[in-house]
Amino acid sequence: MASRPSDRTDALSATRESITVAFEAVDRSSVMSGRVGRGLVGAAVFVAGWWSLASTVPSYLLPTPAAVLGAFVTELTTPATFAFGGVELKLTELSAVLLQSLLHYVPGLLLGVGLGAPLGIALGYSTRLDEYFTPAVGLLRPIPPLAWMGFVIAWVGIGHAGAAVIVAIGSFWITLLGAHDGVRELPTEWIEVGESLGVRDHRTMVRKVVIPGVAPSVFTAVRTSLGRSWMIIVAAELFGAPGLGYRIIHTAQSLAMDVSMAYMLTLGLAYLATDALFQVAREVVAP
């Protein structure tokens, strides 16, 4: 029995769609391969330039990539004990130092984001509240987190708590401003649509309309805080709190530049790892 024209048309359409999907997959693969290839070339050029420059100066001024890699492996394999809160863990030197910095990074980041996001949304949503707090925000926002170090030392002392507070101050302002600006940039039509659908009280409006609308801005602010907080960690630990920052400065003062740069490399890898984990979490929470 001869096939109907509609059947042949459907078959041709399905074939075209399959071909289109295949070409799109090939294009995406080509783009990804090109990015990876260019990234590898850029990394190779960077390492070659670093090696060439290091060969012209003493090692205590700039160690070679091989020396830094050797120091990294040594720190990664040297046994060490991590002690906190009466608990002792048998780790390696590098992992123990990284864990010490995480004791400042994670609590500080959670505290700063946990306070900054809701306050930023509140100030952005309420014009009257924003008017009350704008002078204080404008005055305090430009002050660097490290400028508070004297007060932090007096209030909580030098150590894990002090470094965590400094990280919290830095992440607080980044998240607050990101959330505030995100609310201010919401289209007014969203509020009008919410009201037309029967949303009358502010709590429901914030929960149903504002928070979903401002979520991308908050996610961007949090991602920025992830990177900035690692930068702040280094400065916060200069005052004696153990961690990556303290080890970077301490080893550099001893002219062990290969070890110092190994910990700088660890700091960069820590940021890449936290950024990648955040991206995965973002896809899960807001696909």
C-alpha atoms as a PDB file:
ATOM      1  CA  MET A   1       0.000   0.000   0.000  1.00  0.00           C
ATOM      2  CA  ALA A   2       1.421   3.427  -1.002  1.00  0.00           C
ATOM      3  CA  SER A   3       2.335   5.778   1.836  1.00  0.00           C
ATOM      4  CA  ARG A   4       0.298   8.909   2.299  1.00  0.00           C
ATOM      5  CA  PRO A   5       1.868  12.342   1.553  1.00  0.00           C
ATOM      6  CA  SER A   6       1.457  13.355   5.186  1.00  0.00           C
ATOM      7  CA  ASP A   7       3.507  10.334   6.294  1.00  0.00           C
ATOM      8  CA  ARG A   8       6.302  11.241   3.902  1.00  0.00           C
ATOM      9  CA  THR A   9       6.203  14.843   5.115  1.00  0.00           C
ATOM     10  CA  ASP A  10       6.433  13.737   8.745  1.00  0.00           C
ATOM     11  CA  ALA A  11       9.367  11.485   7.949  1.00  0.00           C
ATOM     12  CA  LEU A  12      11.186  14.293   6.130  1.00  0.00           C
ATOM     13  CA  SER A  13      10.560  16.678   9.039  1.00  0.00           C
ATOM     14  CA  ALA A  14      11.894  14.138  11.520  1.00  0.00           C
ATOM     15  CA  THR A  15      14.970  13.608   9.352  1.00  0.00           C
ATOM     16  CA  ARG A  16      15.607  17.339   9.118  1.00  0.00           C
ATOM     17  CA  GLU A  17      15.270  17.715  12.893  1.00  0.00           C
ATOM     18  CA  SER A  18      17.700  14.850  13.464  1.00  0.00           C
ATOM     19  CA  ILE A  19      20.230  16.386  11.090  1.00  0.00           C
ATOM     20  CA  THR A  20      19.821  19.806  12.727  1.00  0.00           C
ATOM     21  CA  VAL A  21      20.340  18.358  16.196  1.00  0.00           C
ATOM     22  CA  ALA A  22      23.419  16.469  15.001  1.00  0.00           C
ATOM     23  CA  PHE A  23      24.934  19.621  13.464  1.00  0.00           C
ATOM     24  CA  GLU A  24      24.212  21.610  16.633  1.00  0.00           C
ATOM     25  CA  ALA A  25      25.940  18.934  18.720  1.00  0.00           C
ATOM     26  CA  VAL A  26      28.954  19.035  16.385  1.00  0.00           C
ATOM     27  CA  ASP A  27      29.048  22.843  16.597  1.00  0.00           C
ATOM     28  CA  ARG A  28      28.934  22.777  20.408  1.00  0.00           C
ATOM     29  CA  SER A  29      31.672  20.158  20.477  1.00  0.00           C
ATOM     30  CA  SER A  30      33.804  22.251  18.113  1.00  0.00           C
ATOM     31  CA  VAL A  31      33.298  25.388  20.212  1.00  0.00           C
ATOM     32  CA  MET A  32      34.202  23.534  23.411  1.00  0.00           C
ATOM     33  CA  SER A  33      37.267  21.963  21.802  1.00  0.00           C
ATOM     34  CA  GLY A  34      38.347  25.365  20.540  1.00  0.00           C
ATOM     35  CA  ARG A  35      38.006  26.907  24.009  1.00  0.00           C
ATOM     36  CA  VAL A  36      39.970  24.107  25.633  1.00  0.00           C
ATOM     37  CA  GLY A  37      42.646  24.317  22.973  1.00  0.00           C
ATOM     38  CA  ARG A  38      43.025  28.075  23.311  1.00  0.00           C
ATOM     39  CA  GLY A  39      43.118  27.727  27.092  1.00  0.00           C
ATOM     40  CA  LEU A  40      45.922  25.178  26.876  1.00  0.00           C
ATOM     41  CA  VAL A  41      47.873  27.401  24.493  1.00  0.00           C
ATOM     42  CA  GLY A  42      47.458  30.368  26.813  1.00  0.00           C
ATOM     43  CA  ALA A  43      48.584  28.316  29.817  1.00  0.00           C
ATOM     44  CA  ALA A  44      51.620  27.035  27.908  1.00  0.00           C
ATOM     45  CA  VAL A  45      52.599  30.580  26.903  1.00  0.00           C
ATOM     46  CA  PHE A  46      52.217  31.740  30.528  1.00  0.00           C
ATOM     47  CA  VAL A  47      54.372  28.919  31.892  1.00  0.00           C
ATOM     48  CA  ALA A  48      57.004  29.438  29.179  1.00  0.00           C
ATOM     49  CA  GLY A  49      57.193  33.157  29.943  1.00  0.00           C
ATOM     50  CA  TRP A  50      57.388  32.469  33.669  1.00  0.00           C
ATOM     51  CA  TRP A  51      60.175  29.915  33.153  1.00  0.00           C
ATOM     52  CA  SER A  52      62.122  32.263  30.899  1.00  0.00           C
ATOM     53  CA  LEU A  53      61.917  35.124  33.393  1.00  0.00           C
ATOM     54  CA  ALA A  54      62.775  32.854  36.354  1.00  0.00           C
ATOM     55  CA  SER A  55      65.927  31.677  34.592  1.00  0.00           C
ATOM     56  CA  THR A  56      67.286  35.223  34.585  1.00  0.00           C
ATOM     57  CA  VAL A  57      66.921  35.986  38.316  1.00  0.00           C
ATOM     58  CA  PRO A  58      67.874  34.217  41.570  1.00  0.00           C
ATOM     59  CA  SER A  59      65.438  31.598  42.821  1.00  0.00           C
ATOM     60  CA  TYR A  60      64.677  33.594  45.964  1.00  0.00           C
ATOM     61  CA  LEU A  61      63.233  36.314  43.719  1.00  0.00           C
ATOM     62  CA  LEU A  62      61.277  34.106  41.338  1.00  0.00           C
ATOM     63  CA  PRO A  63      61.347  30.288  41.463  1.00  0.00           C
ATOM     64  CA  THR A  64      60.788  28.230  38.334  1.00  0.00           C
ATOM     65  CA  PRO A  65      57.495  26.409  37.718  1.00  0.00           C
ATOM     66  CA  ALA A  66      59.303  23.123  38.401  1.00  0.00           C
ATOM     67  CA  ALA A  67      60.453  24.366  41.812  1.00  0.00           C
ATOM     68  CA  VAL A  68      56.947  25.549  42.696  1.00  0.00           C
ATOM     69  CA  LEU A  69      55.465  22.245  41.590  1.00  0.00           C
ATOM     70  CA  GLY A  70      58.033  20.381  43.689  1.00  0.00           C
ATOM     71  CA  ALA A  71      57.195  22.515  46.729  1.00  0.00           C
ATOM     72  CA  PHE A  72      53.488  21.911  46.121  1.00  0.00           C
ATOM     73  CA  VAL A  73      54.005  18.142  46.058  1.00  0.00           C
ATOM     74  CA  THR A  74      56.165  18.301  49.190  1.00  0.00           C
ATOM     75  CA  GLU A  75      53.547  20.292  51.113  1.00  0.00           C
ATOM     76  CA  LEU A  76      50.827  17.985  49.821  1.00  0.00           C
ATOM     77  CA  THR A  77      52.603  14.872  51.079  1.00  0.00           C
ATOM     78  CA  THR A  78      54.257  16.073  54.307  1.00  0.00           C
ATOM     79  CA  PRO A  79      52.328  14.692  57.334  1.00  0.00           C
ATOM     80  CA  ALA A  80      50.792  17.233  59.707  1.00  0.00           C
ATOM     81  CA  THR A  81      48.254  17.349  62.517  1.00  0.00           C
ATOM     82  CA  PHE A  82      45.210  19.583  62.420  1.00  0.00           C
ATOM     83  CA  ALA A  83      43.781  20.415  65.830  1.00  0.00           C
ATOM     84  CA  PHE A  84      40.570  22.343  66.458  1.00  0.00           C
ATOM     85  CA  GLY A  85      38.067  22.217  69.291  1.00  0.00           C
ATOM     86  CA  GLY A  86      39.822  19.338  70.989  1.00  0.00           C
ATOM     87  CA  VAL A  87      39.755  17.239  67.810  1.00  0.00           C
ATOM     88  CA  GLU A  88      42.993  16.183  66.115  1.00  0.00           C
ATOM     89  CA  LEU A  89      43.171  14.981  62.529  1.00  0.00           C
ATOM     90  CA  LYS A  90      46.145  13.430  60.763  1.00  0.00           C
ATOM     91  CA  LEU A  91      46.443  15.295  57.475  1.00  0.00           C
ATOM     92  CA  THR A  92      49.129  16.687  55.224  1.00  0.00           C
ATOM     93  CA  GLU A  93      50.705  20.116  55.653  1.00  0.00           C
ATOM     94  CA  LEU A  94      48.853  21.662  52.723  1.00  0.00           C
ATOM     95  CA  SER A  95      45.445  20.182  53.560  1.00  0.00           C
ATOM     96  CA  ALA A  96      45.771  21.268  57.195  1.00  0.00           C
ATOM     97  CA  VAL A  97      46.579  24.855  56.170  1.00  0.00           C
ATOM     98  CA  LEU A  98      43.704  24.874  53.678  1.00  0.00           C
ATOM     99  CA  LEU A  99      41.317  23.582  56.334  1.00  0.00           C
ATOM    100  CA  GLN A 100      42.433  26.354  58.680  1.00  0.00           C
ATOM    101  CA  SER A 101      41.518  28.950  56.060  1.00  0.00           C
ATOM    102  CA  LEU A 102      38.169  27.248  55.454  1.00  0.00           C
ATOM    103  CA  LEU A 103      37.399  27.791  59.147  1.00  0.00           C
ATOM    104  CA  HIS A 104      37.542  31.521  58.376  1.00  0.00           C
ATOM    105  CA  TYR A 105      36.130  31.404  54.868  1.00  0.00           C
ATOM    106  CA  VAL A 106      32.962  29.349  55.290  1.00  0.00           C
ATOM    107  CA  PRO A 107      31.549  30.915  58.503  1.00  0.00           C
ATOM    108  CA  GLY A 108      32.443  34.412  57.331  1.00  0.00           C
ATOM    109  CA  LEU A 109      30.871  33.885  53.924  1.00  0.00           C
ATOM    110  CA  LEU A 110      27.693  32.365  55.369  1.00  0.00           C
ATOM    111  CA  LEU A 111      27.368  35.191  57.899  1.00  0.00           C
ATOM    112  CA  GLY A 112      27.975  37.946  55.352  1.00  0.00           C
ATOM    113  CA  VAL A 113      25.652  36.499  52.711  1.00  0.00           C
ATOM    114  CA  GLY A 114      23.033  35.524  55.297  1.00  0.00           C
ATOM    115  CA  LEU A 115      22.823  39.104  56.553  1.00  0.00           C
ATOM    116  CA  GLY A 116      23.485  40.962  53.315  1.00  0.00           C
ATOM    117  CA  ALA A 117      20.934  39.274  51.048  1.00  0.00           C
ATOM    118  CA  PRO A 118      17.776  39.785  53.165  1.00  0.00           C
ATOM    119  CA  LEU A 119      18.790  43.306  54.212  1.00  0.00           C
ATOM    120  CA  GLY A 120      19.531  44.246  50.607  1.00  0.00           C
ATOM    121  CA  ILE A 121      16.149  42.928  49.481  1.00  0.00           C
ATOM    122  CA  ALA A 122      14.414  44.810  52.292  1.00  0.00           C
ATOM    123  CA  LEU A 123      16.149  48.096  51.476  1.00  0.00           C
ATOM    124  CA  GLY A 124      15.511  47.682  47.775  1.00  0.00           C
ATOM    125  CA  TYR A 125      11.823  46.884  48.253  1.00  0.00           C
ATOM    126  CA  SER A 126      10.990  49.523  50.865  1.00  0.00           C
ATOM    127  CA  THR A 127      11.698  53.064  49.725  1.00  0.00           C
ATOM    128  CA  ARG A 128      11.123  54.453  53.198  1.00  0.00           C
ATOM    129  CA  LEU A 129      13.481  51.935  54.792  1.00  0.00           C
ATOM    130  CA  ASP A 130      16.049  52.690  52.113  1.00  0.00           C
ATOM    131  CA  GLU A 131      15.843  56.400  52.885  1.00  0.00           C
ATOM    132  CA  TYR A 132      16.529  55.733  56.556  1.00  0.00           C
ATOM    133  CA  PHE A 133      19.588  53.566  55.901  1.00  0.00           C
ATOM    134  CA  THR A 134      21.074  55.217  52.796  1.00  0.00           C
ATOM    135  CA  PRO A 135      23.291  57.671  54.755  1.00  0.00           C
ATOM    136  CA  ALA A 136      24.755  54.884  56.910  1.00  0.00           C
ATOM    137  CA  VAL A 137      25.264  52.586  53.926  1.00  0.00           C
ATOM    138  CA  GLY A 138      26.896  55.350  51.898  1.00  0.00           C
ATOM    139  CA  LEU A 139      29.232  56.162  54.780  1.00  0.00           C
ATOM    140  CA  LEU A 140      30.274  52.617  55.700  1.00  0.00           C
ATOM    141  CA  ARG A 141      30.335  50.934  52.292  1.00  0.00           C
ATOM    142  CA  PRO A 142      33.659  52.423  51.054  1.00  0.00           C
ATOM    143  CA  ILE A 143      35.536  51.358  54.201  1.00  0.00           C
ATOM    144  CA  PRO A 144      37.715  48.309  53.374  1.00  0.00           C
ATOM    145  CA  PRO A 145      37.174  45.230  55.551  1.00  0.00           C
ATOM    146  CA  LEU A 146      40.755  45.400  56.832  1.00  0.00           C
ATOM    147  CA  ALA A 147      40.137  48.865  58.223  1.00  0.00           C
ATOM    148  CA  TRP A 148      37.960  47.179  60.842  1.00  0.00           C
ATOM    149  CA  MET A 149      40.780  44.900  61.954  1.00  0.00           C
ATOM    150  CA  GLY A 150      41.609  46.955  65.053  1.00  0.00           C
ATOM    151  CA  PHE A 151      38.019  46.800  66.252  1.00  0.00           C
ATOM    152  CA  VAL A 152      37.745  43.116  65.402  1.00  0.00           C
ATOM    153  CA  ILE A 153      40.876  42.304  67.398  1.00  0.00           C
ATOM    154  CA  ALA A 154      39.484  44.251  70.363  1.00  0.00           C
ATOM    155  CA  TRP A 155      36.067  42.605  70.128  1.00  0.00           C
ATOM    156  CA  VAL A 156      36.808  38.967  69.257  1.00  0.00           C
ATOM    157  CA  GLY A 157      40.602  38.709  69.311  1.00  0.00           C
ATOM    158  CA  ILE A 158      43.134  37.372  66.834  1.00  0.00           C
ATOM    159  CA  GLY A 159      42.368  33.928  65.483  1.00  0.00           C
ATOM    160  CA  HIS A 160      39.700  32.043  63.580  1.00  0.00           C
ATOM    161  CA  ALA A 161      36.825  34.233  64.803  1.00  0.00           C
ATOM    162  CA  GLY A 162      38.574  37.496  63.928  1.00  0.00           C
ATOM    163  CA  ALA A 163      39.447  36.383  60.397  1.00  0.00           C
ATOM    164  CA  ALA A 164      35.893  35.077  59.877  1.00  0.00           C
ATOM    165  CA  VAL A 165      34.439  38.445  60.898  1.00  0.00           C
ATOM    166  CA  ILE A 166      36.661  40.247  58.380  1.00  0.00           C
ATOM    167  CA  VAL A 167      35.479  37.881  55.635  1.00  0.00           C
ATOM    168  CA  ALA A 168      31.873  38.441  56.744  1.00  0.00           C
ATOM    169  CA  ILE A 169      32.236  42.218  56.457  1.00  0.00           C
ATOM    170  CA  GLY A 170      33.553  41.961  52.908  1.00  0.00           C
ATOM    171  CA  SER A 171      30.919  39.511  51.674  1.00  0.00           C
ATOM    172  CA  PHE A 172      28.147  41.411  53.489  1.00  0.00           C
ATOM    173  CA  TRP A 173      28.534  44.589  51.440  1.00  0.00           C
ATOM    174  CA  ILE A 174      28.899  42.770  48.130  1.00  0.00           C
ATOM    175  CA  THR A 175      25.738  40.744  48.707  1.00  0.00           C
ATOM    176  CA  LEU A 176      23.730  43.637  50.167  1.00  0.00           C
ATOM    177  CA  LEU A 177      24.428  45.917  47.216  1.00  0.00           C
ATOM    178  CA  GLY A 178      23.793  43.150  44.683  1.00  0.00           C
ATOM    179  CA  ALA A 179      20.421  42.291  46.239  1.00  0.00           C
ATOM    180  CA  HIS A 180      19.472  45.967  46.629  1.00  0.00           C
ATOM    181  CA  ASP A 181      20.268  46.825  43.012  1.00  0.00           C
ATOM    182  CA  GLY A 182      18.527  43.666  41.813  1.00  0.00           C
ATOM    183  CA  VAL A 183      15.268  44.690  43.496  1.00  0.00           C
ATOM    184  CA  ARG A 184      15.539  48.233  42.158  1.00  0.00           C
ATOM    185  CA  GLU A 185      15.999  46.911  38.619  1.00  0.00           C
ATOM    186  CA  LEU A 186      12.909  44.679  38.724  1.00  0.00           C
ATOM    187  CA  PRO A 187      10.344  45.731  36.099  1.00  0.00           C
ATOM    188  CA  THR A 188       7.399  47.539  37.693  1.00  0.00           C
ATOM    189  CA  GLU A 189       5.134  45.337  35.583  1.00  0.00           C
ATOM    190  CA  TRP A 190       6.035  42.384  37.806  1.00  0.00           C
ATOM    191  CA  ILE A 191       4.598  44.118  40.856  1.00  0.00           C
ATOM    192  CA  GLU A 192       1.524  45.165  38.891  1.00  0.00           C
ATOM    193  CA  VAL A 193       0.956  41.605  37.673  1.00  0.00           C
ATOM    194  CA  GLY A 194       1.293  40.338  41.247  1.00  0.00           C
ATOM    195  CA  GLU A 195      -1.287  42.844  42.427  1.00  0.00           C
ATOM    196  CA  SER A 196      -3.636  41.926  39.591  1.00  0.00           C
ATOM    197  CA  LEU A 197      -3.400  38.295  40.664  1.00  0.00           C
ATOM    198  CA  GLY A 198      -4.566  39.155  44.147  1.00  0.00           C
ATOM    199  CA  VAL A 199      -1.280  39.718  46.001  1.00  0.00           C
ATOM    200  CA  ARG A 200      -1.986  42.498  48.472  1.00  0.00           C
ATOM    201  CA  ASP A 201       0.333  42.126  51.471  1.00  0.00           C
ATOM    202  CA  HIS A 202       4.037  42.928  51.282  1.00  0.00           C
ATOM    203  CA  ARG A 203       5.186  39.602  52.697  1.00  0.00           C
ATOM    204  CA  THR A 204       3.506  37.617  49.930  1.00  0.00           C
ATOM    205  CA  MET A 205       4.708  40.074  47.289  1.00  0.00           C
ATOM    206  CA  VAL A 206       8.307  39.692  48.432  1.00  0.00           C
ATOM    207  CA  ARG A 207       8.058  35.907  48.679  1.00  0.00           C
ATOM    208  CA  LYS A 208       6.182  35.289  45.417  1.00  0.00           C
ATOM    209  CA  VAL A 209       7.456  38.061  43.145  1.00  0.00           C
ATOM    210  CA  VAL A 210      10.498  39.918  44.455  1.00  0.00           C
ATOM    211  CA  ILE A 211      12.690  37.032  45.634  1.00  0.00           C
ATOM    212  CA  PRO A 212      12.280  34.952  42.426  1.00  0.00           C
ATOM    213  CA  GLY A 213      12.934  38.067  40.357  1.00  0.00           C
ATOM    214  CA  VAL A 214      16.001  39.144  42.283  1.00  0.00           C
ATOM    215  CA  ALA A 215      17.516  35.652  42.538  1.00  0.00           C
ATOM    216  CA  PRO A 216      19.867  36.066  39.514  1.00  0.00           C
ATOM    217  CA  SER A 217      21.308  39.273  40.993  1.00  0.00           C
ATOM    218  CA  VAL A 218      21.783  37.640  44.380  1.00  0.00           C
ATOM    219  CA  PHE A 219      23.465  34.615  42.796  1.00  0.00           C
ATOM    220  CA  THR A 220      25.846  36.935  40.933  1.00  0.00           C
ATOM    221  CA  ALA A 221      26.644  38.820  44.149  1.00  0.00           C
ATOM    222  CA  VAL A 222      27.273  35.579  46.020  1.00  0.00           C
ATOM    223  CA  ARG A 223      29.570  34.350  43.275  1.00  0.00           C
ATOM    224  CA  THR A 224      31.493  37.608  43.471  1.00  0.00           C
ATOM    225  CA  SER A 225      31.718  37.187  47.239  1.00  0.00           C
ATOM    226  CA  LEU A 226      33.186  33.707  46.778  1.00  0.00           C
ATOM    227  CA  GLY A 227      36.191  35.144  44.957  1.00  0.00           C
ATOM    228  CA  ARG A 228      36.574  38.322  46.985  1.00  0.00           C
ATOM    229  CA  SER A 229      36.466  36.372  50.237  1.00  0.00           C
ATOM    230  CA  TRP A 230      39.495  34.317  49.218  1.00  0.00           C
ATOM    231  CA  MET A 231      41.331  37.589  48.589  1.00  0.00           C
ATOM    232  CA  ILE A 232      40.242  38.937  51.961  1.00  0.00           C
ATOM    233  CA  ILE A 233      41.408  35.716  53.651  1.00  0.00           C
ATOM    234  CA  VAL A 234      45.023  36.447  52.745  1.00  0.00           C
ATOM    235  CA  ALA A 235      44.923  39.922  54.268  1.00  0.00           C
ATOM    236  CA  ALA A 236      42.915  38.853  57.326  1.00  0.00           C
ATOM    237  CA  GLU A 237      45.445  36.143  58.182  1.00  0.00           C
ATOM    238  CA  LEU A 238      48.350  38.572  58.125  1.00  0.00           C
ATOM    239  CA  PHE A 239      47.553  39.434  61.722  1.00  0.00           C
ATOM    240  CA  GLY A 240      48.316  35.969  63.026  1.00  0.00           C
ATOM    241  CA  ALA A 241      45.355  33.759  62.170  1.00  0.00           C
ATOM    242  CA  PRO A 242      46.677  30.475  60.729  1.00  0.00           C
ATOM    243  CA  GLY A 243      45.862  29.617  57.141  1.00  0.00           C
ATOM    244  CA  LEU A 244      46.881  30.139  53.534  1.00  0.00           C
ATOM    245  CA  GLY A 245      47.460  33.874  53.864  1.00  0.00           C
ATOM    246  CA  TYR A 246      49.655  33.498  56.917  1.00  0.00           C
ATOM    247  CA  ARG A 247      51.672  30.725  55.271  1.00  0.00           C
ATOM    248  CA  ILE A 248      52.123  32.737  52.057  1.00  0.00           C
ATOM    249  CA  ILE A 249      53.552  35.730  53.913  1.00  0.00           C
ATOM    250  CA  HIS A 250      55.541  33.719  56.468  1.00  0.00           C
ATOM    251  CA  THR A 251      57.323  31.611  53.845  1.00  0.00           C
ATOM    252  CA  ALA A 252      57.986  34.666  51.660  1.00  0.00           C
ATOM    253  CA  GLN A 253      59.604  36.432  54.615  1.00  0.00           C
ATOM    254  CA  SER A 254      61.865  33.386  54.971  1.00  0.00           C
ATOM    255  CA  LEU A 255      62.716  33.674  51.240  1.00  0.00           C
ATOM    256  CA  ALA A 256      61.136  30.258  50.602  1.00  0.00           C
ATOM    257  CA  MET A 257      59.471  31.695  47.531  1.00  0.00           C
ATOM    258  CA  ASP A 258      58.768  28.303  45.976  1.00  0.00           C
ATOM    259  CA  VAL A 259      56.701  27.316  49.004  1.00  0.00           C
ATOM    260  CA  SER A 260      55.004  30.719  49.078  1.00  0.00           C
ATOM    261  CA  MET A 261      53.999  30.417  45.441  1.00  0.00           C
ATOM    262  CA  ALA A 262      52.825  26.841  46.026  1.00  0.00           C
ATOM    263  CA  TYR A 263      50.346  28.179  48.576  1.00  0.00           C
ATOM    264  CA  MET A 264      49.375  30.969  46.184  1.00  0.00           C
ATOM    265  CA  LEU A 265      48.625  28.241  43.651  1.00  0.00           C
ATOM    266  CA  THR A 266      46.559  26.444  46.299  1.00  0.00           C
ATOM    267  CA  LEU A 267      44.568  29.625  46.869  1.00  0.00           C
ATOM    268  CA  GLY A 268      43.779  29.865  43.170  1.00  0.00           C
ATOM    269  CA  LEU A 269      42.752  26.219  43.007  1.00  0.00           C
ATOM    270  CA  ALA A 270      40.547  26.695  46.079  1.00  0.00           C
ATOM    271  CA  TYR A 271      38.733  29.550  44.339  1.00  0.00           C
ATOM    272  CA  LEU A 272      38.235  27.523  41.153  1.00  0.00           C
ATOM    273  CA  ALA A 273      36.829  24.635  43.191  1.00  0.00           C
ATOM    274  CA  THR A 274      34.397  26.813  45.172  1.00  0.00           C
ATOM    275  CA  ASP A 275      33.295  28.622  42.020  1.00  0.00           C
ATOM    276  CA  ALA A 276      32.651  25.326  40.221  1.00  0.00           C
ATOM    277  CA  LEU A 277      30.692  23.957  43.202  1.00  0.00           C
ATOM    278  CA  PHE A 278      28.624  27.138  43.319  1.00  0.00           C
ATOM    279  CA  GLN A 279      27.817  26.858  39.614  1.00  0.00           C
ATOM    280  CA  VAL A 280      26.629  23.283  40.122  1.00  0.00           C
ATOM    281  CA  ALA A 281      24.547  24.307  43.146  1.00  0.00           C
ATOM    282  CA  ARG A 282      23.049  27.185  41.167  1.00  0.00           C
ATOM    283  CA  GLU A 283      21.975  24.845  38.390  1.00  0.00           C
ATOM    284  CA  VAL A 284      20.303  22.591  40.936  1.00  0.00           C
ATOM    285  CA  VAL A 285      18.534  25.416  42.793  1.00  0.00           C
ATOM    286  CA  ALA A 286      17.621  27.541  39.763  1.00  0.00           C
ATOM    287  CA  PRO A 287      17.969  25.467  36.583  1.00  0.00           C
END
